[in-house]
PDB file of N, CA and C in Angstrom:
ATOM      1  N   MET A   1       0.869  -1.300   0.015  1.00  0.00           N
ATOM      2  CA  MET A   1      -0.003   0.038   0.085  1.00  0.00           C
ATOM      3  C   MET A   1       0.842   1.304  -0.148  1.00  0.00           C
ATOM      4  N   ASP A   2       0.630   2.258  -0.994  1.00  0.00           N
ATOM      5  CA  ASP A   2       1.393   3.472  -0.789  1.00  0.00           C
ATOM      6  C   ASP A   2       0.998   4.370   0.318  1.00  0.00           C
ATOM      7  N   ASP A   3       1.859   5.279   0.529  1.00  0.00           N
ATOM      8  CA  ASP A   3       1.691   6.241   1.685  1.00  0.00           C
ATOM      9  C   ASP A   3       0.228   7.149   1.698  1.00  0.00           C
ATOM     10  N   GLN A   4       0.143   7.455   0.440  1.00  0.00           N
ATOM     11  CA  GLN A   4      -1.077   8.325   0.215  1.00  0.00           C
ATOM     12  C   GLN A   4      -2.430   7.532   0.511  1.00  0.00           C
ATOM     13  N   THR A   5      -2.453   6.243   0.151  1.00  0.00           N
ATOM     14  CA  THR A   5      -3.545   5.432   0.221  1.00  0.00           C
ATOM     15  C   THR A   5      -3.714   5.111   1.813  1.00  0.00           C
ATOM     16  N   ARG A   6      -2.650   4.718   2.389  1.00  0.00           N
ATOM     17  CA  ARG A   6      -2.597   4.514   3.858  1.00  0.00           C
ATOM     18  C   ARG A   6      -3.141   5.853   4.705  1.00  0.00           C
ATOM     19  N   LEU A   7      -2.668   6.986   4.231  1.00  0.00           N
ATOM     20  CA  LEU A   7      -3.142   8.298   4.868  1.00  0.00           C
ATOM     21  C   LEU A   7      -4.503   8.295   4.727  1.00  0.00           C
ATOM     22  N   GLU A   8      -5.049   8.070   3.515  1.00  0.00           N
ATOM     23  CA  GLU A   8      -6.344   8.330   3.293  1.00  0.00           C
ATOM     24  C   GLU A   8      -7.400   7.362   3.980  1.00  0.00           C
ATOM     25  N   LEU A   9      -6.917   6.211   4.189  1.00  0.00           N
ATOM     26  CA  LEU A   9      -7.596   5.028   4.884  1.00  0.00           C
ATOM     27  C   LEU A   9      -7.510   5.362   6.557  1.00  0.00           C
ATOM     28  N   GLU A  10      -6.565   5.901   7.050  1.00  0.00           N
ATOM     29  CA  GLU A  10      -6.388   6.291   8.424  1.00  0.00           C
ATOM     30  C   GLU A  10      -7.188   7.429   8.595  1.00  0.00           C
ATOM     31  N   ALA A  11      -7.292   8.404   7.818  1.00  0.00           N
ATOM     32  CA  ALA A  11      -8.202   9.582   7.902  1.00  0.00           C
ATOM     33  C   ALA A  11      -9.611   9.216   7.837  1.00  0.00           C
ATOM     34  N   ALA A  12     -10.050   8.233   6.965  1.00  0.00           N
ATOM     35  CA  ALA A  12     -11.386   7.725   6.838  1.00  0.00           C
ATOM     36  C   ALA A  12     -11.764   7.019   8.173  1.00  0.00           C
ATOM     37  N   ALA A  13     -10.931   6.167   8.768  1.00  0.00           N
ATOM     38  CA  ALA A  13     -11.051   5.455  10.001  1.00  0.00           C
ATOM     39  C   ALA A  13     -11.356   6.449  11.222  1.00  0.00           C
ATOM     40  N   PHE A  14     -10.503   7.527  11.142  1.00  0.00           N
ATOM     41  CA  PHE A  14     -10.646   8.440  12.146  1.00  0.00           C
ATOM     42  C   PHE A  14     -12.095   9.236  12.131  1.00  0.00           C
ATOM     43  N   ARG A  15     -12.476   9.533  10.890  1.00  0.00           N
ATOM     44  CA  ARG A  15     -13.834  10.221  10.654  1.00  0.00           C
ATOM     45  C   ARG A  15     -14.989   9.231  11.006  1.00  0.00           C
ATOM     46  N   GLY A  16     -14.734   7.864  10.901  1.00  0.00           N
ATOM     47  CA  GLY A  16     -15.815   6.911  11.154  1.00  0.00           C
ATOM     48  C   GLY A  16     -15.858   6.902  12.883  1.00  0.00           C
ATOM     49  N   LEU A  17     -14.814   6.865  13.416  1.00  0.00           N
ATOM     50  CA  LEU A  17     -14.709   6.779  14.859  1.00  0.00           C
ATOM     51  C   LEU A  17     -15.308   8.082  15.536  1.00  0.00           C
ATOM     52  N   VAL A  18     -14.985   9.231  14.943  1.00  0.00           N
ATOM     53  CA  VAL A  18     -15.524  10.470  15.435  1.00  0.00           C
ATOM     54  C   VAL A  18     -17.067  10.378  15.253  1.00  0.00           C
ATOM     55  N   ALA A  19     -17.590  10.037  13.928  1.00  0.00           N
ATOM     56  CA  ALA A  19     -18.982   9.990  13.653  1.00  0.00           C
ATOM     57  C   ALA A  19     -19.797   8.989  14.768  1.00  0.00           C
ATOM     58  N   HIS A  20     -19.176   7.899  14.971  1.00  0.00           N
ATOM     59  CA  HIS A  20     -19.549   6.987  15.820  1.00  0.00           C
ATOM     60  C   HIS A  20     -19.857   7.569  17.269  1.00  0.00           C
ATOM     61  N   LEU A  21     -18.777   8.119  17.739  1.00  0.00           N
ATOM     62  CA  LEU A  21     -18.725   8.780  19.142  1.00  0.00           C
ATOM     63  C   LEU A  21     -19.762   9.907  19.094  1.00  0.00           C
ATOM     64  N   GLN A  22     -19.879  10.625  18.035  1.00  0.00           N
ATOM     65  CA  GLN A  22     -20.833  11.758  18.123  1.00  0.00           C
ATOM     66  C   GLN A  22     -22.354  11.074  18.267  1.00  0.00           C
ATOM     67  N   LYS A  23     -22.646   9.973  17.551  1.00  0.00           N
ATOM     68  CA  LYS A  23     -23.913   9.220  17.597  1.00  0.00           C
ATOM     69  C   LYS A  23     -24.168   8.650  19.018  1.00  0.00           C
ATOM     70  N   ARG A  24     -23.099   8.304  19.568  1.00  0.00           N
ATOM     71  CA  ARG A  24     -23.155   7.521  20.898  1.00  0.00           C
ATOM     72  C   ARG A  24     -22.933   8.429  22.045  1.00  0.00           C
ATOM     73  N   SER A  25     -23.692   9.647  22.147  1.00  0.00           N
ATOM     74  CA  SER A  25     -23.547  10.461  23.116  1.00  0.00           C
ATOM     75  C   SER A  25     -24.062   9.906  24.554  1.00  0.00           C
ATOM     76  N   ASP A  26     -24.622   8.937  24.462  1.00  0.00           N
ATOM     77  CA  ASP A  26     -25.058   8.117  25.699  1.00  0.00           C
ATOM     78  C   ASP A  26     -23.687   7.428  26.457  1.00  0.00           C
ATOM     79  N   VAL A  27     -22.767   7.221  25.728  1.00  0.00           N
ATOM     80  CA  VAL A  27     -21.491   6.674  26.297  1.00  0.00           C
ATOM     81  C   VAL A  27     -20.776   8.015  26.931  1.00  0.00           C
ATOM     82  N   GLN A  28     -20.573   7.859  28.202  1.00  0.00           N
ATOM     83  CA  GLN A  28     -19.867   8.757  28.816  1.00  0.00           C
ATOM     84  C   GLN A  28     -18.248   8.770  28.657  1.00  0.00           C
ATOM     85  N   ASN A  29     -17.645   9.948  28.652  1.00  0.00           N
ATOM     86  CA  ASN A  29     -16.192   9.954  28.544  1.00  0.00           C
ATOM     87  C   ASN A  29     -15.448   9.144  29.618  1.00  0.00           C
ATOM     88  N   ILE A  30     -15.970   9.130  30.913  1.00  0.00           N
ATOM     89  CA  ILE A  30     -15.209   8.549  32.044  1.00  0.00           C
ATOM     90  C   ILE A  30     -15.393   7.048  31.723  1.00  0.00           C
ATOM     91  N   ASP A  31     -16.523   6.561  31.144  1.00  0.00           N
ATOM     92  CA  ASP A  31     -16.730   5.163  30.790  1.00  0.00           C
ATOM     93  C   ASP A  31     -15.693   4.682  29.805  1.00  0.00           C
ATOM     94  N   LEU A  32     -15.456   5.587  28.836  1.00  0.00           N
ATOM     95  CA  LEU A  32     -14.580   5.291  27.937  1.00  0.00           C
ATOM     96  C   LEU A  32     -13.041   5.276  28.414  1.00  0.00           C
ATOM     97  N   MET A  33     -12.868   6.282  29.259  1.00  0.00           N
ATOM     98  CA  MET A  33     -11.530   6.128  29.946  1.00  0.00           C
ATOM     99  C   MET A  33     -11.145   4.890  30.567  1.00  0.00           C
ATOM    100  N   ASN A  34     -12.327   4.604  31.497  1.00  0.00           N
ATOM    101  CA  ASN A  34     -12.240   3.267  32.467  1.00  0.00           C
ATOM    102  C   ASN A  34     -11.972   2.084  31.508  1.00  0.00           C
ATOM    103  N   LEU A  35     -12.721   2.084  30.552  1.00  0.00           N
ATOM    104  CA  LEU A  35     -12.510   0.812  29.606  1.00  0.00           C
ATOM    105  C   LEU A  35     -11.411   0.701  28.731  1.00  0.00           C
ATOM    106  N   ALA A  36     -11.065   1.875  28.038  1.00  0.00           N
ATOM    107  CA  ALA A  36     -10.117   1.731  27.033  1.00  0.00           C
ATOM    108  C   ALA A  36      -8.903   2.789  27.258  1.00  0.00           C
ATOM    109  N   GLY A  37      -8.991   3.581  28.105  1.00  0.00           N
ATOM    110  CA  GLY A  37      -7.773   4.393  28.541  1.00  0.00           C
ATOM    111  C   GLY A  37      -7.828   5.964  27.696  1.00  0.00           C
ATOM    112  N   PHE A  38      -8.858   6.005  26.806  1.00  0.00           N
ATOM    113  CA  PHE A  38      -8.960   7.161  26.141  1.00  0.00           C
ATOM    114  C   PHE A  38     -10.387   7.673  25.926  1.00  0.00           C
ATOM    115  N   CYS A  39     -10.611   8.880  25.619  1.00  0.00           N
ATOM    116  CA  CYS A  39     -11.984   9.296  25.510  1.00  0.00           C
ATOM    117  C   CYS A  39     -12.084  10.434  24.385  1.00  0.00           C
ATOM    118  N   ARG A  40     -13.108  11.066  24.236  1.00  0.00           N
ATOM    119  CA  ARG A  40     -13.259  12.118  23.218  1.00  0.00           C
ATOM    120  C   ARG A  40     -12.301  13.267  23.356  1.00  0.00           C
ATOM    121  N   ASN A  41     -11.993  13.650  24.695  1.00  0.00           N
ATOM    122  CA  ASN A  41     -11.005  14.689  25.002  1.00  0.00           C
ATOM    123  C   ASN A  41      -9.615  14.259  24.410  1.00  0.00           C
ATOM    124  N   CYS A  42      -9.243  12.934  24.654  1.00  0.00           N
ATOM    125  CA  CYS A  42      -7.948  12.506  24.089  1.00  0.00           C
ATOM    126  C   CYS A  42      -7.969  12.643  22.739  1.00  0.00           C
ATOM    127  N   LEU A  43      -8.929  12.210  21.894  1.00  0.00           N
ATOM    128  CA  LEU A  43      -8.861  12.348  20.539  1.00  0.00           C
ATOM    129  C   LEU A  43      -8.766  13.820  19.963  1.00  0.00           C
ATOM    130  N   ALA A  44      -9.395  14.666  20.958  1.00  0.00           N
ATOM    131  CA  ALA A  44      -9.219  16.044  20.389  1.00  0.00           C
ATOM    132  C   ALA A  44      -7.785  16.498  20.749  1.00  0.00           C
ATOM    133  N   LYS A  45      -7.232  16.046  21.763  1.00  0.00           N
ATOM    134  CA  LYS A  45      -5.793  16.333  21.979  1.00  0.00           C
ATOM    135  C   LYS A  45      -4.926  15.849  21.036  1.00  0.00           C
ATOM    136  N   TRP A  46      -5.043  14.558  20.626  1.00  0.00           N
ATOM    137  CA  TRP A  46      -4.302  14.006  19.493  1.00  0.00           C
ATOM    138  C   TRP A  46      -4.426  14.876  18.186  1.00  0.00           C
ATOM    139  N   TYR A  47      -5.703  15.242  17.900  1.00  0.00           N
ATOM    140  CA  TYR A  47      -6.034  16.181  16.630  1.00  0.00           C
ATOM    141  C   TYR A  47      -5.055  17.360  16.903  1.00  0.00           C
ATOM    142  N   LYS A  48      -5.268  18.106  18.170  1.00  0.00           N
ATOM    143  CA  LYS A  48      -4.411  19.433  18.345  1.00  0.00           C
ATOM    144  C   LYS A  48      -3.020  19.219  18.275  1.00  0.00           C
ATOM    145  N   ALA A  49      -2.592  18.028  18.808  1.00  0.00           N
ATOM    146  CA  ALA A  49      -1.114  17.716  18.612  1.00  0.00           C
ATOM    147  C   ALA A  49      -0.628  17.450  17.274  1.00  0.00           C
ATOM    148  N   ALA A  50      -1.336  17.031  16.486  1.00  0.00           N
ATOM    149  CA  ALA A  50      -1.021  16.852  15.134  1.00  0.00           C
ATOM    150  C   ALA A  50      -1.001  18.151  14.374  1.00  0.00           C
ATOM    151  N   ALA A  51      -1.902  18.980  14.494  1.00  0.00           N
ATOM    152  CA  ALA A  51      -1.990  20.463  14.133  1.00  0.00           C
ATOM    153  C   ALA A  51      -0.655  21.075  14.448  1.00  0.00           C
ATOM    154  N   ASN A  52      -0.404  20.966  15.926  1.00  0.00           N
ATOM    155  CA  ASN A  52       0.806  21.716  16.368  1.00  0.00           C
ATOM    156  C   ASN A  52       2.028  21.201  15.500  1.00  0.00           C
ATOM    157  N   GLU A  53       2.125  19.839  15.345  1.00  0.00           N
ATOM    158  CA  GLU A  53       3.362  19.212  14.763  1.00  0.00           C
ATOM    159  C   GLU A  53       3.515  19.713  13.279  1.00  0.00           C
ATOM    160  N   ARG A  54       2.380  20.256  12.692  1.00  0.00           N
ATOM    161  CA  ARG A  54       2.399  20.769  11.223  1.00  0.00           C
ATOM    162  C   ARG A  54       2.195  22.215  11.158  1.00  0.00           C
ATOM    163  N   ASP A  55       2.479  22.907  12.487  1.00  0.00           N
ATOM    164  CA  ASP A  55       2.354  24.281  12.393  1.00  0.00           C
ATOM    165  C   ASP A  55       0.885  24.934  11.960  1.00  0.00           C
ATOM    166  N   VAL A  56       0.000  24.058  12.085  1.00  0.00           N
ATOM    167  CA  VAL A  56      -1.561  24.634  11.821  1.00  0.00           C
ATOM    168  C   VAL A  56      -2.018  25.247  12.860  1.00  0.00           C
ATOM    169  N   ALA A  57      -2.478  26.358  12.757  1.00  0.00           N
ATOM    170  CA  ALA A  57      -3.108  27.200  14.029  1.00  0.00           C
ATOM    171  C   ALA A  57      -4.620  26.410  14.318  1.00  0.00           C
ATOM    172  N   LEU A  58      -4.495  25.877  15.466  1.00  0.00           N
ATOM    173  CA  LEU A  58      -5.830  25.320  15.900  1.00  0.00           C
ATOM    174  C   LEU A  58      -5.801  25.380  17.391  1.00  0.00           C
ATOM    175  N   SER A  59      -7.063  25.853  17.965  1.00  0.00           N
ATOM    176  CA  SER A  59      -7.231  25.852  19.352  1.00  0.00           C
ATOM    177  C   SER A  59      -7.681  24.711  20.036  1.00  0.00           C
ATOM    178  N   MET A  60      -7.539  24.529  21.312  1.00  0.00           N
ATOM    179  CA  MET A  60      -8.053  23.186  21.731  1.00  0.00           C
ATOM    180  C   MET A  60      -9.619  23.218  21.616  1.00  0.00           C
ATOM    181  N   ASP A  61     -10.254  24.349  21.851  1.00  0.00           N
ATOM    182  CA  ASP A  61     -11.671  24.548  21.652  1.00  0.00           C
ATOM    183  C   ASP A  61     -12.124  24.098  20.279  1.00  0.00           C
ATOM    184  N   GLU A  62     -11.405  24.384  19.211  1.00  0.00           N
ATOM    185  CA  GLU A  62     -11.671  23.959  17.862  1.00  0.00           C
ATOM    186  C   GLU A  62     -11.321  22.514  17.601  1.00  0.00           C
ATOM    187  N   ALA A  63     -10.421  21.870  18.338  1.00  0.00           N
ATOM    188  CA  ALA A  63     -10.216  20.559  18.262  1.00  0.00           C
ATOM    189  C   ALA A  63     -11.253  19.823  18.703  1.00  0.00           C
ATOM    190  N   LYS A  64     -11.782  20.224  20.015  1.00  0.00           N
ATOM    191  CA  LYS A  64     -12.803  19.659  20.580  1.00  0.00           C
ATOM    192  C   LYS A  64     -14.105  19.788  19.788  1.00  0.00           C
ATOM    193  N   GLU A  65     -14.394  20.689  19.210  1.00  0.00           N
ATOM    194  CA  GLU A  65     -15.588  21.022  18.385  1.00  0.00           C
ATOM    195  C   GLU A  65     -15.625  19.786  17.188  1.00  0.00           C
ATOM    196  N   VAL A  66     -14.379  19.639  16.619  1.00  0.00           N
ATOM    197  CA  VAL A  66     -14.297  18.493  15.496  1.00  0.00           C
ATOM    198  C   VAL A  66     -14.605  17.353  16.088  1.00  0.00           C
ATOM    199  N   VAL A  67     -14.189  16.891  17.170  1.00  0.00           N
ATOM    200  CA  VAL A  67     -14.609  15.477  17.695  1.00  0.00           C
ATOM    201  C   VAL A  67     -15.988  15.342  18.242  1.00  0.00           C
ATOM    202  N   TYR A  68     -16.421  16.489  19.013  1.00  0.00           N
ATOM    203  CA  TYR A  68     -17.753  16.437  19.667  1.00  0.00           C
ATOM    204  C   TYR A  68     -18.960  16.925  18.638  1.00  0.00           C
ATOM    205  N   GLY A  69     -18.578  17.417  17.541  1.00  0.00           N
ATOM    206  CA  GLY A  69     -19.592  17.916  16.580  1.00  0.00           C
ATOM    207  C   GLY A  69     -20.378  19.141  16.842  1.00  0.00           C
ATOM    208  N   MET A  70     -19.901  19.869  18.027  1.00  0.00           N
ATOM    209  CA  MET A  70     -20.454  21.065  18.440  1.00  0.00           C
ATOM    210  C   MET A  70     -19.502  21.569  19.696  1.00  0.00           C
ATOM    211  N   PRO A  71     -19.643  22.831  20.046  1.00  0.00           N
ATOM    212  CA  PRO A  71     -18.896  23.221  21.250  1.00  0.00           C
ATOM    213  C   PRO A  71     -18.959  22.503  22.435  1.00  0.00           C
ATOM    214  N   TYR A  72     -17.793  22.198  23.138  1.00  0.00           N
ATOM    215  CA  TYR A  72     -17.648  21.375  24.134  1.00  0.00           C
ATOM    216  C   TYR A  72     -18.591  21.626  25.118  1.00  0.00           C
ATOM    217  N   GLU A  73     -18.779  23.008  25.496  1.00  0.00           N
ATOM    218  CA  GLU A  73     -19.659  23.369  26.561  1.00  0.00           C
ATOM    219  C   GLU A  73     -21.198  23.046  26.223  1.00  0.00           C
ATOM    220  N   THR A  74     -21.492  23.181  24.935  1.00  0.00           N
ATOM    221  CA  THR A  74     -22.863  22.615  24.597  1.00  0.00           C
ATOM    222  C   THR A  74     -23.039  21.069  24.825  1.00  0.00           C
ATOM    223  N   TYR A  75     -21.888  20.285  24.368  1.00  0.00           N
ATOM    224  CA  TYR A  75     -21.938  18.991  24.542  1.00  0.00           C
ATOM    225  C   TYR A  75     -22.291  18.498  25.870  1.00  0.00           C
ATOM    226  N   LYS A  76     -21.352  19.117  26.826  1.00  0.00           N
ATOM    227  CA  LYS A  76     -21.358  18.936  28.215  1.00  0.00           C
ATOM    228  C   LYS A  76     -22.776  19.133  28.753  1.00  0.00           C
ATOM    229  N   ALA A  77     -23.354  20.404  28.514  1.00  0.00           N
ATOM    230  CA  ALA A  77     -24.649  20.576  29.050  1.00  0.00           C
ATOM    231  C   ALA A  77     -25.834  19.495  28.531  1.00  0.00           C
ATOM    232  N   LYS A  78     -25.609  19.187  27.278  1.00  0.00           N
ATOM    233  CA  LYS A  78     -26.733  18.309  26.898  1.00  0.00           C
ATOM    234  C   LYS A  78     -26.424  16.855  27.037  1.00  0.00           C
ATOM    235  N   HIS A  79     -25.232  16.338  27.249  1.00  0.00           N
ATOM    236  CA  HIS A  79     -24.935  14.824  27.390  1.00  0.00           C
ATOM    237  C   HIS A  79     -24.346  14.364  28.424  1.00  0.00           C
ATOM    238  N   GLN A  80     -23.392  15.250  29.048  1.00  0.00           N
ATOM    239  CA  GLN A  80     -22.489  14.686  30.190  1.00  0.00           C
ATOM    240  C   GLN A  80     -23.196  14.628  31.547  1.00  0.00           C
ATOM    241  N   GLU A  81     -23.157  13.506  31.976  1.00  0.00           N
ATOM    242  CA  GLU A  81     -23.816  13.217  33.371  1.00  0.00           C
ATOM    243  C   GLU A  81     -22.616  13.401  34.373  1.00  0.00           C
ATOM    244  N   LYS A  82     -23.067  13.784  35.650  1.00  0.00           N
ATOM    245  CA  LYS A  82     -22.044  13.680  36.705  1.00  0.00           C
ATOM    246  C   LYS A  82     -21.514  12.275  36.949  1.00  0.00           C
ATOM    247  N   ALA A  83     -20.380  12.127  37.135  1.00  0.00           N
ATOM    248  CA  ALA A  83     -19.640  10.809  37.334  1.00  0.00           C
ATOM    249  C   ALA A  83     -19.980  10.223  38.728  1.00  0.00           C
ATOM    250  N   THR A  84     -20.224   9.040  38.806  1.00  0.00           N
ATOM    251  CA  THR A  84     -20.597   8.382  40.053  1.00  0.00           C
ATOM    252  C   THR A  84     -19.150   8.097  40.881  1.00  0.00           C
ATOM    253  N   SER A  85     -19.329   7.806  42.108  1.00  0.00           N
ATOM    254  CA  SER A  85     -18.164   7.537  43.019  1.00  0.00           C
ATOM    255  C   SER A  85     -17.563   6.406  42.437  1.00  0.00           C
ATOM    256  N   GLU A  86     -18.358   5.407  42.033  1.00  0.00           N
ATOM    257  CA  GLU A  86     -17.665   4.088  41.459  1.00  0.00           C
ATOM    258  C   GLU A  86     -16.799   4.256  40.110  1.00  0.00           C
ATOM    259  N   GLN A  87     -17.303   5.218  39.232  1.00  0.00           N
ATOM    260  CA  GLN A  87     -16.658   5.652  38.024  1.00  0.00           C
ATOM    261  C   GLN A  87     -15.424   6.415  38.416  1.00  0.00           C
ATOM    262  N   LEU A  88     -15.452   7.232  39.295  1.00  0.00           N
ATOM    263  CA  LEU A  88     -14.335   8.205  39.777  1.00  0.00           C
ATOM    264  C   LEU A  88     -13.154   7.397  40.473  1.00  0.00           C
ATOM    265  N   GLU A  89     -13.662   6.101  41.189  1.00  0.00           N
ATOM    266  CA  GLU A  89     -12.663   5.377  41.841  1.00  0.00           C
ATOM    267  C   GLU A  89     -11.984   4.365  40.718  1.00  0.00           C
ATOM    268  N   LYS A  90     -12.673   3.992  39.838  1.00  0.00           N
ATOM    269  CA  LYS A  90     -12.047   3.104  38.938  1.00  0.00           C
ATOM    270  C   LYS A  90     -11.253   4.092  37.985  1.00  0.00           C
ATOM    271  N   PHE A  91     -11.494   5.153  37.700  1.00  0.00           N
ATOM    272  CA  PHE A  91     -10.731   6.151  36.847  1.00  0.00           C
ATOM    273  C   PHE A  91      -9.423   6.267  37.586  1.00  0.00           C
ATOM    274  N   ALA A  92      -9.361   6.503  38.889  1.00  0.00           N
ATOM    275  CA  ALA A  92      -8.228   6.693  39.724  1.00  0.00           C
ATOM    276  C   ALA A  92      -7.191   5.559  39.714  1.00  0.00           C
ATOM    277  N   ASP A  93      -7.924   4.313  39.703  1.00  0.00           N
ATOM    278  CA  ASP A  93      -7.100   3.131  39.846  1.00  0.00           C
ATOM    279  C   ASP A  93      -6.617   2.706  38.461  1.00  0.00           C
ATOM    280  N   THR A  94      -7.127   3.404  37.220  1.00  0.00           N
ATOM    281  CA  THR A  94      -6.637   2.847  35.956  1.00  0.00           C
ATOM    282  C   THR A  94      -5.375   3.469  35.553  1.00  0.00           C
ATOM    283  N   SER A  95      -4.260   2.642  35.235  1.00  0.00           N
ATOM    284  CA  SER A  95      -2.999   3.087  34.929  1.00  0.00           C
ATOM    285  C   SER A  95      -2.661   3.149  33.504  1.00  0.00           C
ATOM    286  N   GLY A  96      -3.604   2.837  32.668  1.00  0.00           N
ATOM    287  CA  GLY A  96      -3.405   2.750  31.141  1.00  0.00           C
ATOM    288  C   GLY A  96      -3.937   4.003  30.337  1.00  0.00           C
ATOM    289  N   HIS A  97      -3.974   5.159  31.044  1.00  0.00           N
ATOM    290  CA  HIS A  97      -4.596   6.298  30.235  1.00  0.00           C
ATOM    291  C   HIS A  97      -3.608   6.755  29.093  1.00  0.00           C
ATOM    292  N   ALA A  98      -4.236   7.164  28.122  1.00  0.00           N
ATOM    293  CA  ALA A  98      -3.486   7.552  26.963  1.00  0.00           C
ATOM    294  C   ALA A  98      -2.362   8.733  27.133  1.00  0.00           C
ATOM    295  N   VAL A  99      -1.357   8.547  26.504  1.00  0.00           N
ATOM    296  CA  VAL A  99      -0.254   9.517  26.556  1.00  0.00           C
ATOM    297  C   VAL A  99      -0.240  10.380  25.272  1.00  0.00           C
ATOM    298  N   ILE A 100      -0.436  11.549  25.562  1.00  0.00           N
ATOM    299  CA  ILE A 100      -0.546  12.562  24.287  1.00  0.00           C
ATOM    300  C   ILE A 100       0.547  13.607  24.525  1.00  0.00           C
ATOM    301  N   GLU A 101       1.346  13.491  23.449  1.00  0.00           N
ATOM    302  CA  GLU A 101       2.549  14.318  23.277  1.00  0.00           C
ATOM    303  C   GLU A 101       2.305  15.457  22.391  1.00  0.00           C
ATOM    304  N   GLY A 102       3.076  16.533  22.384  1.00  0.00           N
ATOM    305  CA  GLY A 102       3.023  17.533  21.390  1.00  0.00           C
ATOM    306  C   GLY A 102       1.971  18.635  21.592  1.00  0.00           C
ATOM    307  N   LEU A 103       1.447  18.859  22.828  1.00  0.00           N
ATOM    308  CA  LEU A 103       0.525  19.861  23.076  1.00  0.00           C
ATOM    309  C   LEU A 103       1.151  21.033  23.591  1.00  0.00           C
ATOM    310  N   ASP A 104       0.478  22.090  23.553  1.00  0.00           N
ATOM    311  CA  ASP A 104       1.155  23.537  24.009  1.00  0.00           C
ATOM    312  C   ASP A 104       1.346  23.314  25.434  1.00  0.00           C
TER     313      ASP A 104
END
């Protein structure tokens, strides 16, 4: 596979994941973090880090809007529930959280 095709497939996979997560607003970020070690915010941070790496001007708020499909504050007000004590406890005990390099 040539580099351009690989790049296009990776971009399509990212867009598919983002679209899926936008449709599944019932799935809370803390649950994603507890199960997989990453969440929507991590995706936005990876997106922002990629922009930084390429000297593309992009704010964290703009990166979050790409992932959430709306301003982050709007998403939180519409979809984010208060984390339970059990969720917070599991989050604190999870060691496999995503490492994101290249942020401001």
